[in-house]
Amino acid sequence: MRAALKSLLASRPGALALFAVLAFICVGGAIQTYAFIDFPGIPKPPLYDALRPLSLWPAWVLLAAPVHLLGYALGLWHLLRLFPTIGCVKLPVVSVAYSYLLSCWATHSWSRYLRGTKLGGAAVVAGLAAGSILAELARALAPGSLEGPLRALSALVFMSLVTATYSVSLCGLAAAARSLLPSLARREQLDETRRVASGG
């Protein structure tokens, strides 16, 4: 079990590349939350103007949704005060760590269960389609936030990457569970055989 976990979390080029993009979405999305601060006189966080042509916040909200929901459910939001800051916003430490785990699992799922299969192709297509729909929904809900071709394109690219990553991860989880069922059944059968043989 420990060896399998170590192998899963090992740094692979594909996982590191995906993690780099997801971490960029997390940090950039956190920086772009400055746009929602209404208090006057608060200085902009570093890189806010440099990241302004890109749309990162919607993709970050979707990417970090499980972390945020778990934080709400467990009442852990008071721990935010312990996180380092980027100017006036908190560095998304947990979101970045979660992105690494997600990247490792997504690339592991793809290489072990989905590559070259119909399920893998369907997972990617479904993820990209969902990303396109959500990017268009974000444009409809906040029309002014995605003005300009670069912001619209970046919203589509980053959102589609997040949804495709989740789609591959969920399909990989289903494939892993399906592959475990026969081995669990064989183990139960073996245990039952041993009990019968021992007269128990």
Protein backbone atom coordinates (compact mmCIF):
# COMPACT_ATOMS: atom_id res chain seq x y z
CA MET A 1 0.00 0.00 0.00
CA ARG A 2 2.79 2.40 0.91
CA ALA A 3 4.65 1.56 -2.30
CA ALA A 4 1.52 2.17 -4.38
CA LEU A 5 0.94 5.54 -2.71
CA LYS A 6 4.57 6.51 -3.21
CA SER A 7 4.33 5.55 -6.89
CA LEU A 8 1.13 7.55 -7.29
CA LEU A 9 2.63 10.71 -5.78
CA ALA A 10 5.95 10.38 -7.61
CA SER A 11 6.92 13.37 -9.73
CA ARG A 12 6.37 12.54 -13.41
CA PRO A 13 6.88 15.01 -16.26
CA GLY A 14 3.21 14.92 -17.23
CA ALA A 15 2.02 15.39 -13.66
CA LEU A 16 4.48 18.23 -13.06
CA ALA A 17 3.42 20.00 -16.26
CA LEU A 18 -0.26 19.71 -15.36
CA PHE A 19 0.47 20.78 -11.79
CA ALA A 20 2.35 23.86 -13.00
CA VAL A 21 -0.69 25.04 -14.97
CA LEU A 22 -3.17 24.23 -12.19
CA ALA A 23 -0.98 25.98 -9.60
CA PHE A 24 -0.82 29.01 -11.90
CA ILE A 25 -4.62 28.99 -12.07
CA CYS A 26 -4.81 28.82 -8.25
CA VAL A 27 -2.38 31.65 -7.57
CA GLY A 28 -3.65 33.79 -10.44
CA GLY A 29 -7.26 33.21 -9.46
CA ALA A 30 -6.53 34.19 -5.87
CA ILE A 31 -4.82 37.38 -7.05
CA GLN A 32 -7.81 38.21 -9.24
CA THR A 33 -10.13 38.12 -6.22
CA TYR A 34 -8.87 41.66 -5.65
CA ALA A 35 -11.45 42.72 -8.24
CA PHE A 36 -14.18 41.89 -5.70
CA ILE A 37 -12.72 44.01 -2.86
CA ASP A 38 -14.87 47.10 -2.40
CA PHE A 39 -12.86 48.84 0.32
CA PRO A 40 -11.01 51.90 -1.02
CA GLY A 41 -7.31 52.37 -0.44
CA ILE A 42 -6.33 48.70 -0.44
CA PRO A 43 -3.28 48.28 -2.72
CA LYS A 44 -3.32 45.81 -5.57
CA PRO A 45 -1.56 42.48 -4.99
CA PRO A 46 1.60 41.80 -7.00
CA LEU A 47 1.04 40.75 -10.62
CA TYR A 48 -2.60 41.87 -10.58
CA ASP A 49 -2.19 44.15 -13.59
CA ALA A 50 0.03 41.62 -15.39
CA LEU A 51 -2.65 38.92 -15.02
CA ARG A 52 -5.53 41.21 -15.89
CA PRO A 53 -5.64 40.20 -19.60
CA LEU A 54 -6.29 36.58 -18.51
CA SER A 55 -9.40 35.06 -16.98
CA LEU A 56 -8.25 32.80 -14.14
CA TRP A 57 -10.75 33.35 -11.35
CA PRO A 58 -13.67 31.25 -12.73
CA ALA A 59 -11.39 28.28 -13.42
CA TRP A 60 -9.86 28.58 -9.94
CA VAL A 61 -13.29 28.61 -8.29
CA LEU A 62 -14.19 25.39 -10.11
CA LEU A 63 -10.81 23.78 -9.46
CA ALA A 64 -10.81 24.56 -5.74
CA ALA A 65 -14.53 23.90 -5.18
CA PRO A 66 -13.96 20.56 -3.35
CA VAL A 67 -11.40 22.20 -1.05
CA HIS A 68 -13.68 25.15 -0.31
CA LEU A 69 -16.72 22.94 0.31
CA LEU A 70 -14.73 20.68 2.63
CA GLY A 71 -13.41 23.72 4.47
CA TYR A 72 -16.95 25.00 4.99
CA ALA A 73 -18.22 21.58 6.09
CA LEU A 74 -15.43 21.13 8.65
CA GLY A 75 -15.41 24.76 9.80
CA LEU A 76 -11.75 25.25 8.93
CA TRP A 77 -11.94 28.72 7.40
CA HIS A 78 -10.44 30.30 10.52
CA LEU A 79 -7.15 28.66 9.51
CA LEU A 80 -6.87 31.09 6.60
CA ARG A 81 -5.28 33.62 8.93
CA LEU A 82 -2.25 31.32 9.15
CA PHE A 83 -1.64 31.37 5.39
CA PRO A 84 0.93 33.72 3.84
CA THR A 85 -0.40 36.65 1.85
CA ILE A 86 0.11 38.02 -1.65
CA GLY A 87 -0.47 41.67 -0.99
CA CYS A 88 -4.05 41.87 0.28
CA VAL A 89 -5.07 38.30 -0.63
CA LYS A 90 -4.19 34.96 0.92
CA LEU A 91 -1.88 32.57 -0.89
CA PRO A 92 -4.02 29.51 -1.81
CA VAL A 93 -1.74 26.97 -0.12
CA VAL A 94 -4.37 24.24 0.21
CA SER A 95 -5.60 24.71 -3.36
CA VAL A 96 -2.05 24.39 -4.68
CA ALA A 97 -1.43 21.23 -2.63
CA TYR A 98 -4.75 19.81 -3.82
CA SER A 99 -3.74 20.63 -7.41
CA TYR A 100 -0.63 18.48 -7.00
CA LEU A 101 -2.65 15.50 -5.76
CA LEU A 102 -5.18 15.98 -8.54
CA SER A 103 -2.43 16.21 -11.17
CA CYS A 104 -0.81 13.00 -9.92
CA TRP A 105 -4.09 11.10 -9.92
CA ALA A 106 -5.22 12.43 -13.32
CA THR A 107 -1.97 11.48 -15.06
CA HIS A 108 -1.87 8.12 -13.25
CA SER A 109 -5.47 7.43 -14.28
CA TRP A 110 -4.73 8.34 -17.87
CA SER A 111 -1.58 6.22 -18.20
CA ARG A 112 -2.91 3.18 -16.33
CA TYR A 113 -6.61 2.99 -17.13
CA LEU A 114 -7.66 5.34 -19.93
CA ARG A 115 -4.96 5.80 -22.55
CA GLY A 116 -5.99 4.27 -25.87
CA THR A 117 -9.49 3.36 -24.64
CA LYS A 118 -12.92 4.59 -25.66
CA LEU A 119 -13.54 5.63 -22.06
CA GLY A 120 -10.42 7.80 -22.13
CA GLY A 121 -11.49 9.53 -25.32
CA ALA A 122 -15.00 10.05 -23.97
CA ALA A 123 -13.59 11.48 -20.73
CA VAL A 124 -11.52 14.06 -22.59
CA VAL A 125 -14.35 15.04 -24.95
CA ALA A 126 -16.83 15.31 -22.08
CA GLY A 127 -14.39 17.42 -20.07
CA LEU A 128 -13.69 19.79 -22.95
CA ALA A 129 -17.40 20.12 -23.72
CA ALA A 130 -18.18 20.88 -20.09
CA GLY A 131 -15.41 23.48 -20.02
CA SER A 132 -16.80 25.19 -23.11
CA ILE A 133 -20.28 25.30 -21.59
CA LEU A 134 -19.05 26.65 -18.24
CA ALA A 135 -16.87 29.28 -19.92
CA GLU A 136 -19.87 30.47 -21.92
CA LEU A 137 -21.97 30.44 -18.76
CA ALA A 138 -19.37 32.60 -17.01
CA ARG A 139 -19.51 35.02 -19.93
CA ALA A 140 -23.32 35.15 -19.70
CA LEU A 141 -23.36 35.70 -15.92
CA ALA A 142 -20.64 38.37 -15.96
CA PRO A 143 -20.52 39.81 -19.47
CA GLY A 144 -18.06 42.58 -18.66
CA SER A 145 -15.55 40.26 -17.01
CA LEU A 146 -14.62 38.44 -20.23
CA GLU A 147 -14.26 41.38 -22.57
CA GLY A 148 -11.56 41.01 -25.18
CA PRO A 149 -10.52 37.97 -27.21
CA LEU A 150 -7.62 37.02 -24.91
CA ARG A 151 -9.77 36.94 -21.78
CA ALA A 152 -12.46 34.94 -23.57
CA LEU A 153 -9.91 32.49 -24.98
CA SER A 154 -8.09 32.10 -21.66
CA ALA A 155 -11.39 31.47 -19.88
CA LEU A 156 -12.17 28.71 -22.38
CA VAL A 157 -8.69 27.14 -22.19
CA PHE A 158 -8.31 27.19 -18.40
CA MET A 159 -11.89 26.09 -17.71
CA SER A 160 -11.62 23.26 -20.25
CA LEU A 161 -8.33 22.11 -18.73
CA VAL A 162 -9.89 21.95 -15.26
CA THR A 163 -13.01 20.11 -16.42
CA ALA A 164 -10.99 17.67 -18.54
CA THR A 165 -8.72 16.97 -15.56
CA TYR A 166 -11.73 16.26 -13.36
CA SER A 167 -13.36 14.12 -16.04
CA VAL A 168 -10.24 11.99 -16.49
CA SER A 169 -9.79 11.72 -12.70
CA LEU A 170 -13.38 10.59 -12.11
CA CYS A 171 -13.26 8.06 -14.95
CA GLY A 172 -9.95 6.79 -13.59
CA LEU A 173 -11.51 6.45 -10.14
CA ALA A 174 -14.37 4.42 -11.60
CA ALA A 175 -11.94 2.21 -13.55
CA ALA A 176 -9.80 1.67 -10.45
CA ALA A 177 -12.84 0.70 -8.39
CA ARG A 178 -13.99 -1.69 -11.11
CA SER A 179 -10.57 -3.36 -11.23
CA LEU A 180 -10.53 -3.79 -7.46
CA LEU A 181 -13.87 -5.57 -7.24
CA PRO A 182 -12.67 -8.93 -8.67
CA SER A 183 -9.65 -9.01 -6.37
CA LEU A 184 -11.83 -8.25 -3.34
CA ALA A 185 -14.23 -11.01 -4.36
CA ARG A 186 -11.35 -13.47 -4.76
CA ARG A 187 -10.01 -12.50 -1.34
CA GLU A 188 -13.39 -13.07 0.29
CA GLN A 189 -13.69 -16.42 -1.48
CA LEU A 190 -10.21 -17.41 -0.30
CA ASP A 191 -11.03 -16.40 3.28
CA GLU A 192 -14.23 -18.43 3.14
CA THR A 193 -12.33 -21.45 1.80
CA ARG A 194 -9.82 -21.19 4.64
CA ARG A 195 -12.60 -20.98 7.23
CA VAL A 196 -14.28 -24.07 5.79
CA ALA A 197 -10.97 -25.95 5.65
CA SER A 198 -10.21 -25.10 9.27
CA GLY A 199 -13.64 -26.24 10.35
CA GLY A 200 -14.66 -22.73 11.41
